[in-house]
Amino acid sequence: MSYNNFLAFLWAIWKERNSKIFSDNVSSKDQLLDSIKLHSWWWLKTHISGFSFDFIIGGLCRLLV
């Protein structure tokens, strides 16, 4: 696991924790995994010049709304 993916993983877990504590909202494992993938993509897109991978993959588009 790369450093960037590790940070995305921690961020998604932290947000899920806060969502549970403050809003009593729990995501499914699939939603949590999608969130980790999305945050990894965002991190790479903003920190690596020339990163050109498009993030239009199946059900993950729903996270952008």
PDB file of N, CA and C in Angstrom:
ATOM      1  N   MET A   1       0.858  -1.181   0.000  1.00  0.00           N
ATOM      2  CA  MET A   1       0.000   0.000   0.000  1.00  0.00           C
ATOM      3  C   MET A   1       0.895   1.233   0.000  1.00  0.00           C
ATOM      4  N   SER A   2       0.659   2.127  -0.941  1.00  0.00           N
ATOM      5  CA  SER A   2       1.463   3.339  -1.010  1.00  0.00           C
ATOM      6  C   SER A   2       1.056   4.318   0.091  1.00  0.00           C
ATOM      7  N   TYR A   3       1.914   5.284   0.314  1.00  0.00           N
ATOM      8  CA  TYR A   3       1.657   6.307   1.313  1.00  0.00           C
ATOM      9  C   TYR A   3       0.352   7.052   1.023  1.00  0.00           C
ATOM     10  N   ASN A   4       0.128   7.395  -0.248  1.00  0.00           N
ATOM     11  CA  ASN A   4      -1.087   8.113  -0.636  1.00  0.00           C
ATOM     12  C   ASN A   4      -2.334   7.282  -0.355  1.00  0.00           C
ATOM     13  N   ASN A   5      -2.283   6.008  -0.690  1.00  0.00           N
ATOM     14  CA  ASN A   5      -3.430   5.137  -0.437  1.00  0.00           C
ATOM     15  C   ASN A   5      -3.670   4.973   1.059  1.00  0.00           C
ATOM     16  N   PHE A   6      -2.589   4.917   1.821  1.00  0.00           N
ATOM     17  CA  PHE A   6      -2.712   4.802   3.264  1.00  0.00           C
ATOM     18  C   PHE A   6      -3.405   6.033   3.847  1.00  0.00           C
ATOM     19  N   LEU A   7      -3.018   7.216   3.376  1.00  0.00           N
ATOM     20  CA  LEU A   7      -3.672   8.443   3.840  1.00  0.00           C
ATOM     21  C   LEU A   7      -5.146   8.475   3.453  1.00  0.00           C
ATOM     22  N   ALA A   8      -5.451   8.047   2.243  1.00  0.00           N
ATOM     23  CA  ALA A   8      -6.848   7.993   1.798  1.00  0.00           C
ATOM     24  C   ALA A   8      -7.638   7.013   2.661  1.00  0.00           C
ATOM     25  N   PHE A   9      -7.025   5.881   2.991  1.00  0.00           N
ATOM     26  CA  PHE A   9      -7.654   4.887   3.854  1.00  0.00           C
ATOM     27  C   PHE A   9      -7.956   5.481   5.228  1.00  0.00           C
ATOM     28  N   LEU A  10      -6.955   6.123   5.827  1.00  0.00           N
ATOM     29  CA  LEU A  10      -7.153   6.734   7.148  1.00  0.00           C
ATOM     30  C   LEU A  10      -8.232   7.815   7.114  1.00  0.00           C
ATOM     31  N   TRP A  11      -8.218   8.642   6.076  1.00  0.00           N
ATOM     32  CA  TRP A  11      -9.191   9.724   5.962  1.00  0.00           C
ATOM     33  C   TRP A  11     -10.610   9.163   5.859  1.00  0.00           C
ATOM     34  N   ALA A  12     -10.799   8.131   5.040  1.00  0.00           N
ATOM     35  CA  ALA A  12     -12.125   7.537   4.864  1.00  0.00           C
ATOM     36  C   ALA A  12     -12.605   6.898   6.175  1.00  0.00           C
ATOM     37  N   ILE A  13     -11.716   6.226   6.888  1.00  0.00           N
ATOM     38  CA  ILE A  13     -12.072   5.620   8.177  1.00  0.00           C
ATOM     39  C   ILE A  13     -12.439   6.710   9.184  1.00  0.00           C
ATOM     40  N   TRP A  14     -11.662   7.793   9.205  1.00  0.00           N
ATOM     41  CA  TRP A  14     -11.925   8.901  10.124  1.00  0.00           C
ATOM     42  C   TRP A  14     -13.288   9.540   9.831  1.00  0.00           C
ATOM     43  N   LYS A  15     -13.576   9.769   8.540  1.00  0.00           N
ATOM     44  CA  LYS A  15     -14.865  10.352   8.173  1.00  0.00           C
ATOM     45  C   LYS A  15     -16.017   9.419   8.533  1.00  0.00           C
ATOM     46  N   GLU A  16     -15.827   8.130   8.343  1.00  0.00           N
ATOM     47  CA  GLU A  16     -16.857   7.150   8.696  1.00  0.00           C
ATOM     48  C   GLU A  16     -17.093   7.150  10.206  1.00  0.00           C
ATOM     49  N   ARG A  17     -16.023   7.224  10.970  1.00  0.00           N
ATOM     50  CA  ARG A  17     -16.128   7.292  12.429  1.00  0.00           C
ATOM     51  C   ARG A  17     -16.933   8.515  12.853  1.00  0.00           C
ATOM     52  N   ASN A  18     -16.587   9.667  12.272  1.00  0.00           N
ATOM     53  CA  ASN A  18     -17.302  10.899  12.614  1.00  0.00           C
ATOM     54  C   ASN A  18     -18.770  10.834  12.203  1.00  0.00           C
ATOM     55  N   SER A  19     -19.038  10.239  11.071  1.00  0.00           N
ATOM     56  CA  SER A  19     -20.417  10.093  10.607  1.00  0.00           C
ATOM     57  C   SER A  19     -21.227   9.239  11.586  1.00  0.00           C
ATOM     58  N   LYS A  20     -20.620   8.194  12.080  1.00  0.00           N
ATOM     59  CA  LYS A  20     -21.299   7.308  13.041  1.00  0.00           C
ATOM     60  C   LYS A  20     -21.534   8.022  14.369  1.00  0.00           C
ATOM     61  N   ILE A  21     -20.515   8.701  14.863  1.00  0.00           N
ATOM     62  CA  ILE A  21     -20.605   9.349  16.183  1.00  0.00           C
ATOM     63  C   ILE A  21     -21.562  10.543  16.165  1.00  0.00           C
ATOM     64  N   PHE A  22     -21.429  11.401  15.160  1.00  0.00           N
ATOM     65  CA  PHE A  22     -22.162  12.657  15.171  1.00  0.00           C
ATOM     66  C   PHE A  22     -23.507  12.614  14.448  1.00  0.00           C
ATOM     67  N   SER A  23     -23.675  11.693  13.511  1.00  0.00           N
ATOM     68  CA  SER A  23     -24.925  11.644  12.747  1.00  0.00           C
ATOM     69  C   SER A  23     -25.636  10.310  12.854  1.00  0.00           C
ATOM     70  N   ASP A  24     -25.046   9.374  13.575  1.00  0.00           N
ATOM     71  CA  ASP A  24     -25.587   8.018  13.702  1.00  0.00           C
ATOM     72  C   ASP A  24     -25.875   7.418  12.321  1.00  0.00           C
ATOM     73  N   ASN A  25     -24.950   7.655  11.401  1.00  0.00           N
ATOM     74  CA  ASN A  25     -25.068   7.170  10.033  1.00  0.00           C
ATOM     75  C   ASN A  25     -23.959   6.158   9.777  1.00  0.00           C
ATOM     76  N   VAL A  26     -24.301   4.970   9.311  1.00  0.00           N
ATOM     77  CA  VAL A  26     -23.317   3.924   9.064  1.00  0.00           C
ATOM     78  C   VAL A  26     -23.342   3.530   7.592  1.00  0.00           C
ATOM     79  N   SER A  27     -22.180   3.524   6.967  1.00  0.00           N
ATOM     80  CA  SER A  27     -22.054   3.119   5.563  1.00  0.00           C
ATOM     81  C   SER A  27     -21.775   1.624   5.483  1.00  0.00           C
ATOM     82  N   SER A  28     -22.106   1.054   4.331  1.00  0.00           N
ATOM     83  CA  SER A  28     -21.785  -0.358   4.104  1.00  0.00           C
ATOM     84  C   SER A  28     -20.287  -0.491   3.813  1.00  0.00           C
ATOM     85  N   LYS A  29     -19.796  -1.706   3.839  1.00  0.00           N
ATOM     86  CA  LYS A  29     -18.388  -1.948   3.512  1.00  0.00           C
ATOM     87  C   LYS A  29     -18.088  -1.509   2.085  1.00  0.00           C
ATOM     88  N   ASP A  30     -19.028  -1.761   1.173  1.00  0.00           N
ATOM     89  CA  ASP A  30     -18.830  -1.354  -0.222  1.00  0.00           C
ATOM     90  C   ASP A  30     -18.751   0.165  -0.352  1.00  0.00           C
ATOM     91  N   GLN A  31     -19.588   0.885   0.375  1.00  0.00           N
ATOM     92  CA  GLN A  31     -19.547   2.347   0.332  1.00  0.00           C
ATOM     93  C   GLN A  31     -18.233   2.871   0.899  1.00  0.00           C
ATOM     94  N   LEU A  32     -17.749   2.240   1.969  1.00  0.00           N
ATOM     95  CA  LEU A  32     -16.482   2.650   2.564  1.00  0.00           C
ATOM     96  C   LEU A  32     -15.330   2.398   1.586  1.00  0.00           C
ATOM     97  N   LEU A  33     -15.335   1.249   0.924  1.00  0.00           N
ATOM     98  CA  LEU A  33     -14.305   0.941  -0.061  1.00  0.00           C
ATOM     99  C   LEU A  33     -14.357   1.927  -1.229  1.00  0.00           C
ATOM    100  N   ASP A  34     -15.551   2.264  -1.701  1.00  0.00           N
ATOM    101  CA  ASP A  34     -15.705   3.259  -2.766  1.00  0.00           C
ATOM    102  C   ASP A  34     -15.146   4.618  -2.338  1.00  0.00           C
ATOM    103  N   SER A  35     -15.397   4.980  -1.097  1.00  0.00           N
ATOM    104  CA  SER A  35     -14.891   6.242  -0.572  1.00  0.00           C
ATOM    105  C   SER A  35     -13.362   6.247  -0.542  1.00  0.00           C
ATOM    106  N   ILE A  36     -12.757   5.134  -0.146  1.00  0.00           N
ATOM    107  CA  ILE A  36     -11.298   5.026  -0.125  1.00  0.00           C
ATOM    108  C   ILE A  36     -10.745   5.162  -1.542  1.00  0.00           C
ATOM    109  N   LYS A  37     -11.380   4.498  -2.500  1.00  0.00           N
ATOM    110  CA  LYS A  37     -10.931   4.590  -3.897  1.00  0.00           C
ATOM    111  C   LYS A  37     -11.039   6.028  -4.407  1.00  0.00           C
ATOM    112  N   LEU A  38     -12.144   6.676  -4.101  1.00  0.00           N
ATOM    113  CA  LEU A  38     -12.355   8.047  -4.553  1.00  0.00           C
ATOM    114  C   LEU A  38     -11.321   8.989  -3.950  1.00  0.00           C
ATOM    115  N   HIS A  39     -11.071   8.879  -2.642  1.00  0.00           N
ATOM    116  CA  HIS A  39     -10.080   9.748  -2.005  1.00  0.00           C
ATOM    117  C   HIS A  39      -8.668   9.474  -2.533  1.00  0.00           C
ATOM    118  N   SER A  40      -8.364   8.231  -2.837  1.00  0.00           N
ATOM    119  CA  SER A  40      -7.062   7.906  -3.440  1.00  0.00           C
ATOM    120  C   SER A  40      -6.923   8.594  -4.789  1.00  0.00           C
ATOM    121  N   TRP A  41      -7.987   8.523  -5.602  1.00  0.00           N
ATOM    122  CA  TRP A  41      -7.959   9.156  -6.913  1.00  0.00           C
ATOM    123  C   TRP A  41      -7.798  10.672  -6.788  1.00  0.00           C
ATOM    124  N   TRP A  42      -8.584  11.286  -5.885  1.00  0.00           N
ATOM    125  CA  TRP A  42      -8.484  12.735  -5.690  1.00  0.00           C
ATOM    126  C   TRP A  42      -7.066  13.127  -5.283  1.00  0.00           C
ATOM    127  N   TRP A  43      -6.476  12.366  -4.363  1.00  0.00           N
ATOM    128  CA  TRP A  43      -5.130  12.663  -3.878  1.00  0.00           C
ATOM    129  C   TRP A  43      -4.132  12.597  -5.035  1.00  0.00           C
ATOM    130  N   LEU A  44      -4.201  11.522  -5.813  1.00  0.00           N
ATOM    131  CA  LEU A  44      -3.280  11.374  -6.942  1.00  0.00           C
ATOM    132  C   LEU A  44      -3.490  12.467  -7.986  1.00  0.00           C
ATOM    133  N   LYS A  45      -4.742  12.790  -8.276  1.00  0.00           N
ATOM    134  CA  LYS A  45      -5.087  13.797  -9.290  1.00  0.00           C
ATOM    135  C   LYS A  45      -4.532  15.170  -8.912  1.00  0.00           C
ATOM    136  N   THR A  46      -4.535  15.500  -7.631  1.00  0.00           N
ATOM    137  CA  THR A  46      -4.089  16.830  -7.205  1.00  0.00           C
ATOM    138  C   THR A  46      -2.601  16.908  -6.890  1.00  0.00           C
ATOM    139  N   HIS A  47      -1.950  15.777  -6.647  1.00  0.00           N
ATOM    140  CA  HIS A  47      -0.548  15.806  -6.225  1.00  0.00           C
ATOM    141  C   HIS A  47       0.446  15.290  -7.261  1.00  0.00           C
ATOM    142  N   ILE A  48      -0.025  14.710  -8.343  1.00  0.00           N
ATOM    143  CA  ILE A  48       0.886  14.200  -9.364  1.00  0.00           C
ATOM    144  C   ILE A  48       0.577  14.900 -10.686  1.00  0.00           C
ATOM    145  N   SER A  49       1.535  15.712 -11.126  1.00  0.00           N
ATOM    146  CA  SER A  49       1.315  16.405 -12.397  1.00  0.00           C
ATOM    147  C   SER A  49       1.330  15.384 -13.529  1.00  0.00           C
ATOM    148  N   GLY A  50       0.433  15.553 -14.455  1.00  0.00           N
ATOM    149  CA  GLY A  50       0.331  14.637 -15.576  1.00  0.00           C
ATOM    150  C   GLY A  50      -0.509  13.410 -15.301  1.00  0.00           C
ATOM    151  N   PHE A  51      -1.076  13.310 -14.106  1.00  0.00           N
ATOM    152  CA  PHE A  51      -1.944  12.168 -13.790  1.00  0.00           C
ATOM    153  C   PHE A  51      -3.221  12.312 -14.612  1.00  0.00           C
ATOM    154  N   SER A  52      -3.491  11.358 -15.479  1.00  0.00           N
ATOM    155  CA  SER A  52      -4.594  11.528 -16.418  1.00  0.00           C
ATOM    156  C   SER A  52      -5.634  10.409 -16.352  1.00  0.00           C
ATOM    157  N   PHE A  53      -5.626   9.631 -15.316  1.00  0.00           N
ATOM    158  CA  PHE A  53      -6.602   8.563 -15.187  1.00  0.00           C
ATOM    159  C   PHE A  53      -7.980   9.151 -14.913  1.00  0.00           C
ATOM    160  N   ASP A  54      -8.979   8.806 -15.719  1.00  0.00           N
ATOM    161  CA  ASP A  54     -10.344   9.294 -15.524  1.00  0.00           C
ATOM    162  C   ASP A  54     -11.068   8.431 -14.503  1.00  0.00           C
ATOM    163  N   PHE A  55     -11.821   9.075 -13.652  1.00  0.00           N
ATOM    164  CA  PHE A  55     -12.518   8.364 -12.581  1.00  0.00           C
ATOM    165  C   PHE A  55     -14.010   8.253 -12.908  1.00  0.00           C
ATOM    166  N   ILE A  56     -14.326   7.570 -13.956  1.00  0.00           N
ATOM    167  CA  ILE A  56     -15.722   7.302 -14.305  1.00  0.00           C
ATOM    168  C   ILE A  56     -15.843   5.780 -14.348  1.00  0.00           C
ATOM    169  N   ILE A  57     -16.051   5.207 -13.170  1.00  0.00           N
ATOM    170  CA  ILE A  57     -16.072   3.754 -13.045  1.00  0.00           C
ATOM    171  C   ILE A  57     -17.361   3.346 -12.341  1.00  0.00           C
ATOM    172  N   GLY A  58     -18.262   2.734 -13.057  1.00  0.00           N
ATOM    173  CA  GLY A  58     -19.465   2.156 -12.489  1.00  0.00           C
ATOM    174  C   GLY A  58     -20.151   2.983 -11.429  1.00  0.00           C
ATOM    175  N   GLY A  59     -20.397   2.363 -10.286  1.00  0.00           N
ATOM    176  CA  GLY A  59     -21.164   2.969  -9.215  1.00  0.00           C
ATOM    177  C   GLY A  59     -20.436   4.048  -8.430  1.00  0.00           C
ATOM    178  N   LEU A  60     -19.140   4.252  -8.670  1.00  0.00           N
ATOM    179  CA  LEU A  60     -18.406   5.246  -7.900  1.00  0.00           C
ATOM    180  C   LEU A  60     -18.829   6.668  -8.226  1.00  0.00           C
ATOM    181  N   CYS A  61     -19.448   6.861  -9.367  1.00  0.00           N
ATOM    182  CA  CYS A  61     -19.902   8.195  -9.762  1.00  0.00           C
ATOM    183  C   CYS A  61     -20.906   8.766  -8.767  1.00  0.00           C
ATOM    184  N   ARG A  62     -21.632   7.916  -8.061  1.00  0.00           N
ATOM    185  CA  ARG A  62     -22.627   8.399  -7.107  1.00  0.00           C
ATOM    186  C   ARG A  62     -21.981   9.157  -5.945  1.00  0.00           C
ATOM    187  N   LEU A  63     -20.692   8.922  -5.678  1.00  0.00           N
ATOM    188  CA  LEU A  63     -20.010   9.626  -4.595  1.00  0.00           C
ATOM    189  C   LEU A  63     -19.718  11.066  -4.946  1.00  0.00           C
ATOM    190  N   LEU A  64     -19.724  11.396  -6.216  1.00  0.00           N
ATOM    191  CA  LEU A  64     -19.410  12.747  -6.637  1.00  0.00           C
ATOM    192  C   LEU A  64     -20.578  13.707  -6.446  1.00  0.00           C
ATOM    193  N   VAL A  65     -21.745  13.190  -6.169  1.00  0.00           N
ATOM    194  CA  VAL A  65     -22.940  14.034  -6.038  1.00  0.00           C
ATOM    195  C   VAL A  65     -23.033  14.583  -4.634  1.00  0.00           C
TER     196      VAL A  65
END
